[in-house]
Amino acid sequence: GAFKPKIEGYFAVSRVPWETDLILVLGMVISVLAVPGIFSSIVDGNPPRAATIAVVIGGGMIIYAVYTNPNGYALNDIPNVIARVVGGLF
């Protein structure tokens, strides 16, 4: 089954599934695109501040999407979620 934690309060507001799908995909894209920046900063000897902030923001978006999706997400759902979001753009 899908991972669906019990939550209450502000985050218990129900969302339309496509909204949480979009937030999940954007969070994954932001996090993945920040990883090369982290490595580049480390290689140059600089602290990876901006890239780390981007990973934290992307991770927060992913967590928010998982907690607010009425159905939750399973790892097997991720490719279908990406296809729905990308397919909805065209």
PDB file of N, CA and C in Angstrom:
ATOM      1  N   GLY A   1       0.806  -1.186   0.000  1.00  0.00           N
ATOM      2  CA  GLY A   1       0.000   0.000   0.000  1.00  0.00           C
ATOM      3  C   GLY A   1       0.847   1.246   0.000  1.00  0.00           C
ATOM      4  N   ALA A   2       0.175   2.335  -0.212  1.00  0.00           N
ATOM      5  CA  ALA A   2       0.839   3.624  -0.270  1.00  0.00           C
ATOM      6  C   ALA A   2       1.103   4.150   1.134  1.00  0.00           C
ATOM      7  N   PHE A   3       2.159   4.889   1.276  1.00  0.00           N
ATOM      8  CA  PHE A   3       2.527   5.500   2.540  1.00  0.00           C
ATOM      9  C   PHE A   3       1.615   6.695   2.768  1.00  0.00           C
ATOM     10  N   LYS A   4       0.787   6.638   3.792  1.00  0.00           N
ATOM     11  CA  LYS A   4      -0.105   7.748   4.109  1.00  0.00           C
ATOM     12  C   LYS A   4      -0.113   7.958   5.616  1.00  0.00           C
ATOM     13  N   PRO A   5       0.750   8.847   6.115  1.00  0.00           N
ATOM     14  CA  PRO A   5       0.794   9.080   7.548  1.00  0.00           C
ATOM     15  C   PRO A   5      -0.445   9.830   8.018  1.00  0.00           C
ATOM     16  N   LYS A   6      -0.797   9.655   9.289  1.00  0.00           N
ATOM     17  CA  LYS A   6      -1.912  10.392   9.862  1.00  0.00           C
ATOM     18  C   LYS A   6      -1.409  11.764  10.290  1.00  0.00           C
ATOM     19  N   ILE A   7      -2.104  12.792   9.824  1.00  0.00           N
ATOM     20  CA  ILE A   7      -1.718  14.150  10.180  1.00  0.00           C
ATOM     21  C   ILE A   7      -2.960  14.943  10.538  1.00  0.00           C
ATOM     22  N   GLU A   8      -2.750  15.976  11.320  1.00  0.00           N
ATOM     23  CA  GLU A   8      -3.845  16.840  11.726  1.00  0.00           C
ATOM     24  C   GLU A   8      -3.404  18.284  11.604  1.00  0.00           C
ATOM     25  N   GLY A   9      -4.353  19.191  11.702  1.00  0.00           N
ATOM     26  CA  GLY A   9      -4.034  20.607  11.704  1.00  0.00           C
ATOM     27  C   GLY A   9      -3.957  21.169  10.295  1.00  0.00           C
ATOM     28  N   TYR A  10      -3.060  22.121  10.123  1.00  0.00           N
ATOM     29  CA  TYR A  10      -2.954  22.846   8.855  1.00  0.00           C
ATOM     30  C   TYR A  10      -2.715  21.924   7.666  1.00  0.00           C
ATOM     31  N   PHE A  11      -1.850  20.935   7.837  1.00  0.00           N
ATOM     32  CA  PHE A  11      -1.478  20.075   6.722  1.00  0.00           C
ATOM     33  C   PHE A  11      -2.553  19.063   6.376  1.00  0.00           C
ATOM     34  N   ALA A  12      -3.618  18.969   7.160  1.00  0.00           N
ATOM     35  CA  ALA A  12      -4.685  18.018   6.891  1.00  0.00           C
ATOM     36  C   ALA A  12      -5.666  18.542   5.838  1.00  0.00           C
ATOM     37  N   VAL A  13      -5.436  19.736   5.312  1.00  0.00           N
ATOM     38  CA  VAL A  13      -6.312  20.288   4.287  1.00  0.00           C
ATOM     39  C   VAL A  13      -6.239  19.393   3.054  1.00  0.00           C
ATOM     40  N   SER A  14      -7.401  18.989   2.567  1.00  0.00           N
ATOM     41  CA  SER A  14      -7.397  18.090   1.412  1.00  0.00           C
ATOM     42  C   SER A  14      -7.018  18.870   0.154  1.00  0.00           C
ATOM     43  N   ARG A  15      -6.282  18.226  -0.695  1.00  0.00           N
ATOM     44  CA  ARG A  15      -5.821  18.822  -1.944  1.00  0.00           C
ATOM     45  C   ARG A  15      -6.288  17.967  -3.109  1.00  0.00           C
ATOM     46  N   VAL A  16      -6.368  18.597  -4.261  1.00  0.00           N
ATOM     47  CA  VAL A  16      -6.650  17.858  -5.481  1.00  0.00           C
ATOM     48  C   VAL A  16      -5.392  17.070  -5.821  1.00  0.00           C
ATOM     49  N   PRO A  17      -5.516  15.785  -6.190  1.00  0.00           N
ATOM     50  CA  PRO A  17      -4.306  14.975  -6.418  1.00  0.00           C
ATOM     51  C   PRO A  17      -3.336  15.566  -7.430  1.00  0.00           C
ATOM     52  N   TRP A  18      -3.816  16.229  -8.478  1.00  0.00           N
ATOM     53  CA  TRP A  18      -2.857  16.749  -9.459  1.00  0.00           C
ATOM     54  C   TRP A  18      -2.020  17.870  -8.878  1.00  0.00           C
ATOM     55  N   GLU A  19      -2.556  18.619  -7.900  1.00  0.00           N
ATOM     56  CA  GLU A  19      -1.753  19.659  -7.265  1.00  0.00           C
ATOM     57  C   GLU A  19      -0.584  19.047  -6.498  1.00  0.00           C
ATOM     58  N   THR A  20      -0.864  17.995  -5.757  1.00  0.00           N
ATOM     59  CA  THR A  20       0.223  17.363  -5.017  1.00  0.00           C
ATOM     60  C   THR A  20       1.182  16.656  -5.962  1.00  0.00           C
ATOM     61  N   ASP A  21       0.683  16.143  -7.090  1.00  0.00           N
ATOM     62  CA  ASP A  21       1.566  15.544  -8.092  1.00  0.00           C
ATOM     63  C   ASP A  21       2.536  16.588  -8.622  1.00  0.00           C
ATOM     64  N   LEU A  22       2.022  17.769  -8.938  1.00  0.00           N
ATOM     65  CA  LEU A  22       2.871  18.837  -9.465  1.00  0.00           C
ATOM     66  C   LEU A  22       3.899  19.272  -8.433  1.00  0.00           C
ATOM     67  N   ILE A  23       3.481  19.425  -7.180  1.00  0.00           N
ATOM     68  CA  ILE A  23       4.418  19.815  -6.118  1.00  0.00           C
ATOM     69  C   ILE A  23       5.490  18.747  -5.939  1.00  0.00           C
ATOM     70  N   LEU A  24       5.102  17.477  -6.001  1.00  0.00           N
ATOM     71  CA  LEU A  24       6.066  16.385  -5.858  1.00  0.00           C
ATOM     72  C   LEU A  24       7.094  16.421  -6.984  1.00  0.00           C
ATOM     73  N   VAL A  25       6.638  16.555  -8.210  1.00  0.00           N
ATOM     74  CA  VAL A  25       7.558  16.549  -9.355  1.00  0.00           C
ATOM     75  C   VAL A  25       8.463  17.773  -9.327  1.00  0.00           C
ATOM     76  N   LEU A  26       7.919  18.940  -9.019  1.00  0.00           N
ATOM     77  CA  LEU A  26       8.768  20.134  -8.936  1.00  0.00           C
ATOM     78  C   LEU A  26       9.811  19.998  -7.825  1.00  0.00           C
ATOM     79  N   GLY A  27       9.428  19.421  -6.711  1.00  0.00           N
ATOM     80  CA  GLY A  27      10.389  19.196  -5.625  1.00  0.00           C
ATOM     81  C   GLY A  27      11.506  18.261  -6.046  1.00  0.00           C
ATOM     82  N   MET A  28      11.142  17.202  -6.780  1.00  0.00           N
ATOM     83  CA  MET A  28      12.177  16.275  -7.253  1.00  0.00           C
ATOM     84  C   MET A  28      13.099  16.950  -8.256  1.00  0.00           C
ATOM     85  N   VAL A  29      12.538  17.753  -9.164  1.00  0.00           N
ATOM     86  CA  VAL A  29      13.362  18.434 -10.173  1.00  0.00           C
ATOM     87  C   VAL A  29      14.316  19.420  -9.501  1.00  0.00           C
ATOM     88  N   ILE A  30      13.807  20.214  -8.570  1.00  0.00           N
ATOM     89  CA  ILE A  30      14.655  21.183  -7.871  1.00  0.00           C
ATOM     90  C   ILE A  30      15.780  20.471  -7.131  1.00  0.00           C
ATOM     91  N   SER A  31      15.462  19.386  -6.441  1.00  0.00           N
ATOM     92  CA  SER A  31      16.477  18.653  -5.680  1.00  0.00           C
ATOM     93  C   SER A  31      17.532  18.037  -6.588  1.00  0.00           C
ATOM     94  N   VAL A  32      17.092  17.429  -7.671  1.00  0.00           N
ATOM     95  CA  VAL A  32      18.039  16.778  -8.585  1.00  0.00           C
ATOM     96  C   VAL A  32      18.930  17.808  -9.278  1.00  0.00           C
ATOM     97  N   LEU A  33      18.357  18.940  -9.673  1.00  0.00           N
ATOM     98  CA  LEU A  33      19.170  19.959 -10.349  1.00  0.00           C
ATOM     99  C   LEU A  33      20.162  20.634  -9.401  1.00  0.00           C
ATOM    100  N   ALA A  34      19.932  20.573  -8.114  1.00  0.00           N
ATOM    101  CA  ALA A  34      20.848  21.200  -7.152  1.00  0.00           C
ATOM    102  C   ALA A  34      22.065  20.329  -6.849  1.00  0.00           C
ATOM    103  N   VAL A  35      21.972  19.034  -7.091  1.00  0.00           N
ATOM    104  CA  VAL A  35      23.074  18.123  -6.748  1.00  0.00           C
ATOM    105  C   VAL A  35      24.366  18.474  -7.482  1.00  0.00           C
ATOM    106  N   PRO A  36      24.360  18.744  -8.797  1.00  0.00           N
ATOM    107  CA  PRO A  36      25.628  19.144  -9.440  1.00  0.00           C
ATOM    108  C   PRO A  36      26.215  20.427  -8.845  1.00  0.00           C
ATOM    109  N   GLY A  37      25.357  21.342  -8.412  1.00  0.00           N
ATOM    110  CA  GLY A  37      25.845  22.568  -7.780  1.00  0.00           C
ATOM    111  C   GLY A  37      26.560  22.292  -6.476  1.00  0.00           C
ATOM    112  N   ILE A  38      26.070  21.309  -5.740  1.00  0.00           N
ATOM    113  CA  ILE A  38      26.738  20.927  -4.490  1.00  0.00           C
ATOM    114  C   ILE A  38      28.129  20.385  -4.784  1.00  0.00           C
ATOM    115  N   PHE A  39      28.219  19.460  -5.742  1.00  0.00           N
ATOM    116  CA  PHE A  39      29.520  18.890  -6.082  1.00  0.00           C
ATOM    117  C   PHE A  39      30.468  19.946  -6.638  1.00  0.00           C
ATOM    118  N   SER A  40      29.947  20.851  -7.475  1.00  0.00           N
ATOM    119  CA  SER A  40      30.781  21.900  -8.055  1.00  0.00           C
ATOM    120  C   SER A  40      31.341  22.816  -6.971  1.00  0.00           C
ATOM    121  N   SER A  41      30.505  23.177  -6.021  1.00  0.00           N
ATOM    122  CA  SER A  41      30.969  24.042  -4.934  1.00  0.00           C
ATOM    123  C   SER A  41      32.018  23.352  -4.080  1.00  0.00           C
ATOM    124  N   ILE A  42      31.812  22.075  -3.809  1.00  0.00           N
ATOM    125  CA  ILE A  42      32.774  21.336  -2.992  1.00  0.00           C
ATOM    126  C   ILE A  42      34.109  21.215  -3.712  1.00  0.00           C
ATOM    127  N   VAL A  43      34.074  20.928  -5.006  1.00  0.00           N
ATOM    128  CA  VAL A  43      35.313  20.799  -5.785  1.00  0.00           C
ATOM    129  C   VAL A  43      36.057  22.128  -5.832  1.00  0.00           C
ATOM    130  N   ASP A  44      35.316  23.239  -5.942  1.00  0.00           N
ATOM    131  CA  ASP A  44      35.950  24.560  -5.983  1.00  0.00           C
ATOM    132  C   ASP A  44      36.414  25.034  -4.608  1.00  0.00           C
ATOM    133  N   GLY A  45      36.055  24.293  -3.568  1.00  0.00           N
ATOM    134  CA  GLY A  45      36.453  24.669  -2.223  1.00  0.00           C
ATOM    135  C   GLY A  45      35.541  25.691  -1.564  1.00  0.00           C
ATOM    136  N   ASN A  46      34.370  25.882  -2.130  1.00  0.00           N
ATOM    137  CA  ASN A  46      33.403  26.823  -1.572  1.00  0.00           C
ATOM    138  C   ASN A  46      32.285  26.073  -0.857  1.00  0.00           C
ATOM    139  N   PRO A  47      31.676  26.693   0.127  1.00  0.00           N
ATOM    140  CA  PRO A  47      30.530  26.035   0.772  1.00  0.00           C
ATOM    141  C   PRO A  47      29.321  26.050  -0.168  1.00  0.00           C
ATOM    142  N   PRO A  48      28.619  24.936  -0.276  1.00  0.00           N
ATOM    143  CA  PRO A  48      27.475  24.843  -1.208  1.00  0.00           C
ATOM    144  C   PRO A  48      26.189  25.423  -0.616  1.00  0.00           C
ATOM    145  N   ARG A  49      26.186  26.708  -0.342  1.00  0.00           N
ATOM    146  CA  ARG A  49      25.041  27.319   0.344  1.00  0.00           C
ATOM    147  C   ARG A  49      23.772  27.303  -0.502  1.00  0.00           C
ATOM    148  N   ALA A  50      23.823  27.879  -1.687  1.00  0.00           N
ATOM    149  CA  ALA A  50      22.621  28.000  -2.523  1.00  0.00           C
ATOM    150  C   ALA A  50      22.083  26.629  -2.928  1.00  0.00           C
ATOM    151  N   ALA A  51      22.977  25.737  -3.289  1.00  0.00           N
ATOM    152  CA  ALA A  51      22.536  24.401  -3.706  1.00  0.00           C
ATOM    153  C   ALA A  51      21.933  23.633  -2.533  1.00  0.00           C
ATOM    154  N   THR A  52      22.476  23.808  -1.361  1.00  0.00           N
ATOM    155  CA  THR A  52      21.915  23.151  -0.183  1.00  0.00           C
ATOM    156  C   THR A  52      20.534  23.696   0.135  1.00  0.00           C
ATOM    157  N   ILE A  53      20.352  24.998  -0.001  1.00  0.00           N
ATOM    158  CA  ILE A  53      19.031  25.599   0.211  1.00  0.00           C
ATOM    159  C   ILE A  53      18.039  25.052  -0.808  1.00  0.00           C
ATOM    160  N   ALA A  54      18.476  24.887  -2.057  1.00  0.00           N
ATOM    161  CA  ALA A  54      17.596  24.334  -3.083  1.00  0.00           C
ATOM    162  C   ALA A  54      17.194  22.892  -2.754  1.00  0.00           C
ATOM    163  N   VAL A  55      18.125  22.097  -2.253  1.00  0.00           N
ATOM    164  CA  VAL A  55      17.805  20.715  -1.872  1.00  0.00           C
ATOM    165  C   VAL A  55      16.805  20.707  -0.713  1.00  0.00           C
ATOM    166  N   VAL A  56      16.987  21.603   0.245  1.00  0.00           N
ATOM    167  CA  VAL A  56      16.061  21.674   1.380  1.00  0.00           C
ATOM    168  C   VAL A  56      14.669  22.089   0.904  1.00  0.00           C
ATOM    169  N   ILE A  57      14.593  23.065   0.011  1.00  0.00           N
ATOM    170  CA  ILE A  57      13.300  23.494  -0.525  1.00  0.00           C
ATOM    171  C   ILE A  57      12.645  22.364  -1.309  1.00  0.00           C
ATOM    172  N   GLY A  58      13.417  21.708  -2.175  1.00  0.00           N
ATOM    173  CA  GLY A  58      12.884  20.577  -2.938  1.00  0.00           C
ATOM    174  C   GLY A  58      12.430  19.447  -2.041  1.00  0.00           C
ATOM    175  N   GLY A  59      13.218  19.144  -1.022  1.00  0.00           N
ATOM    176  CA  GLY A  59      12.830  18.094  -0.073  1.00  0.00           C
ATOM    177  C   GLY A  59      11.573  18.459   0.691  1.00  0.00           C
ATOM    178  N   GLY A  60      11.452  19.730   1.046  1.00  0.00           N
ATOM    179  CA  GLY A  60      10.243  20.189   1.722  1.00  0.00           C
ATOM    180  C   GLY A  60       9.016  20.058   0.836  1.00  0.00           C
ATOM    181  N   MET A  61       9.188  20.340  -0.444  1.00  0.00           N
ATOM    182  CA  MET A  61       8.070  20.186  -1.379  1.00  0.00           C
ATOM    183  C   MET A  61       7.663  18.718  -1.496  1.00  0.00           C
ATOM    184  N   ILE A  62       8.643  17.835  -1.527  1.00  0.00           N
ATOM    185  CA  ILE A  62       8.354  16.403  -1.622  1.00  0.00           C
ATOM    186  C   ILE A  62       7.603  15.940  -0.372  1.00  0.00           C
ATOM    187  N   ILE A  63       8.081  16.326   0.787  1.00  0.00           N
ATOM    188  CA  ILE A  63       7.419  15.930   2.036  1.00  0.00           C
ATOM    189  C   ILE A  63       6.005  16.495   2.101  1.00  0.00           C
ATOM    190  N   TYR A  64       5.846  17.753   1.716  1.00  0.00           N
ATOM    191  CA  TYR A  64       4.524  18.366   1.717  1.00  0.00           C
ATOM    192  C   TYR A  64       3.565  17.608   0.798  1.00  0.00           C
ATOM    193  N   ALA A  65       4.038  17.247  -0.403  1.00  0.00           N
ATOM    194  CA  ALA A  65       3.187  16.526  -1.348  1.00  0.00           C
ATOM    195  C   ALA A  65       2.793  15.160  -0.804  1.00  0.00           C
ATOM    196  N   VAL A  66       3.722  14.460  -0.176  1.00  0.00           N
ATOM    197  CA  VAL A  66       3.417  13.131   0.372  1.00  0.00           C
ATOM    198  C   VAL A  66       2.394  13.232   1.492  1.00  0.00           C
ATOM    199  N   TYR A  67       2.551  14.224   2.346  1.00  0.00           N
ATOM    200  CA  TYR A  67       1.652  14.348   3.494  1.00  0.00           C
ATOM    201  C   TYR A  67       0.270  14.883   3.119  1.00  0.00           C
ATOM    202  N   THR A  68       0.158  15.651   2.048  1.00  0.00           N
ATOM    203  CA  THR A  68      -1.137  16.252   1.710  1.00  0.00           C
ATOM    204  C   THR A  68      -1.895  15.505   0.627  1.00  0.00           C
ATOM    205  N   ASN A  69      -1.264  14.568  -0.059  1.00  0.00           N
ATOM    206  CA  ASN A  69      -1.988  13.793  -1.071  1.00  0.00           C
ATOM    207  C   ASN A  69      -2.999  12.893  -0.373  1.00  0.00           C
ATOM    208  N   PRO A  70      -4.266  12.959  -0.775  1.00  0.00           N
ATOM    209  CA  PRO A  70      -5.282  12.141  -0.108  1.00  0.00           C
ATOM    210  C   PRO A  70      -5.009  10.641  -0.196  1.00  0.00           C
ATOM    211  N   ASN A  71      -4.340  10.205  -1.249  1.00  0.00           N
ATOM    212  CA  ASN A  71      -4.077   8.784  -1.462  1.00  0.00           C
ATOM    213  C   ASN A  71      -2.671   8.364  -1.067  1.00  0.00           C
ATOM    214  N   GLY A  72      -1.786   9.305  -0.778  1.00  0.00           N
ATOM    215  CA  GLY A  72      -0.402   8.978  -0.489  1.00  0.00           C
ATOM    216  C   GLY A  72       0.337   8.586  -1.761  1.00  0.00           C
ATOM    217  N   TYR A  73       1.604   8.279  -1.638  1.00  0.00           N
ATOM    218  CA  TYR A  73       2.431   7.854  -2.768  1.00  0.00           C
ATOM    219  C   TYR A  73       3.199   6.600  -2.393  1.00  0.00           C
ATOM    220  N   ALA A  74       3.326   5.701  -3.329  1.00  0.00           N
ATOM    221  CA  ALA A  74       4.220   4.553  -3.204  1.00  0.00           C
ATOM    222  C   ALA A  74       5.366   4.780  -4.188  1.00  0.00           C
ATOM    223  N   LEU A  75       6.500   4.150  -3.948  1.00  0.00           N
ATOM    224  CA  LEU A  75       7.629   4.320  -4.871  1.00  0.00           C
ATOM    225  C   LEU A  75       7.263   3.893  -6.289  1.00  0.00           C
ATOM    226  N   ASN A  76       6.409   2.904  -6.418  1.00  0.00           N
ATOM    227  CA  ASN A  76       5.997   2.451  -7.749  1.00  0.00           C
ATOM    228  C   ASN A  76       5.142   3.488  -8.472  1.00  0.00           C
ATOM    229  N   ASP A  77       4.567   4.436  -7.741  1.00  0.00           N
ATOM    230  CA  ASP A  77       3.719   5.470  -8.337  1.00  0.00           C
ATOM    231  C   ASP A  77       4.514   6.594  -8.983  1.00  0.00           C
ATOM    232  N   ILE A  78       5.761   6.769  -8.603  1.00  0.00           N
ATOM    233  CA  ILE A  78       6.540   7.937  -9.026  1.00  0.00           C
ATOM    234  C   ILE A  78       6.639   8.069 -10.550  1.00  0.00           C
ATOM    235  N   PRO A  79       6.973   7.010 -11.317  1.00  0.00           N
ATOM    236  CA  PRO A  79       7.024   7.180 -12.776  1.00  0.00           C
ATOM    237  C   PRO A  79       5.675   7.613 -13.373  1.00  0.00           C
ATOM    238  N   ASN A  80       4.580   7.071 -12.846  1.00  0.00           N
ATOM    239  CA  ASN A  80       3.262   7.462 -13.352  1.00  0.00           C
ATOM    240  C   ASN A  80       2.930   8.909 -12.992  1.00  0.00           C
ATOM    241  N   VAL A  81       3.345   9.339 -11.811  1.00  0.00           N
ATOM    242  CA  VAL A  81       3.110  10.724 -11.401  1.00  0.00           C
ATOM    243  C   VAL A  81       3.866  11.670 -12.328  1.00  0.00           C
ATOM    244  N   ILE A  82       5.125  11.355 -12.611  1.00  0.00           N
ATOM    245  CA  ILE A  82       5.926  12.184 -13.515  1.00  0.00           C
ATOM    246  C   ILE A  82       5.283  12.221 -14.900  1.00  0.00           C
ATOM    247  N   ALA A  83       4.831  11.085 -15.384  1.00  0.00           N
ATOM    248  CA  ALA A  83       4.188  11.040 -16.709  1.00  0.00           C
ATOM    249  C   ALA A  83       2.907  11.869 -16.729  1.00  0.00           C
ATOM    250  N   ARG A  84       2.111  11.807 -15.656  1.00  0.00           N
ATOM    251  CA  ARG A  84       0.875  12.609 -15.614  1.00  0.00           C
ATOM    252  C   ARG A  84       1.181  14.084 -15.627  1.00  0.00           C
ATOM    253  N   VAL A  85       2.184  14.516 -14.868  1.00  0.00           N
ATOM    254  CA  VAL A  85       2.513  15.944 -14.795  1.00  0.00           C
ATOM    255  C   VAL A  85       3.076  16.421 -16.132  1.00  0.00           C
ATOM    256  N   VAL A  86       4.013  15.684 -16.679  1.00  0.00           N
ATOM    257  CA  VAL A  86       4.608  16.069 -17.959  1.00  0.00           C
ATOM    258  C   VAL A  86       3.550  16.008 -19.065  1.00  0.00           C
ATOM    259  N   GLY A  87       2.713  14.994 -19.050  1.00  0.00           N
ATOM    260  CA  GLY A  87       1.638  14.872 -20.038  1.00  0.00           C
ATOM    261  C   GLY A  87       0.626  15.990 -19.922  1.00  0.00           C
ATOM    262  N   GLY A  88       0.417  16.490 -18.716  1.00  0.00           N
ATOM    263  CA  GLY A  88      -0.516  17.590 -18.517  1.00  0.00           C
ATOM    264  C   GLY A  88       0.001  18.920 -19.035  1.00  0.00           C
ATOM    265  N   LEU A  89       1.305  19.006 -19.257  1.00  0.00           N
ATOM    266  CA  LEU A  89       1.884  20.244 -19.793  1.00  0.00           C
ATOM    267  C   LEU A  89       1.655  20.387 -21.284  1.00  0.00           C
ATOM    268  N   PHE A  90       1.428  19.271 -21.967  1.00  0.00           N
ATOM    269  CA  PHE A  90       1.309  19.321 -23.425  1.00  0.00           C
ATOM    270  C   PHE A  90      -0.071  18.993 -23.897  1.00  0.00           C
TER     271      PHE A  90
END
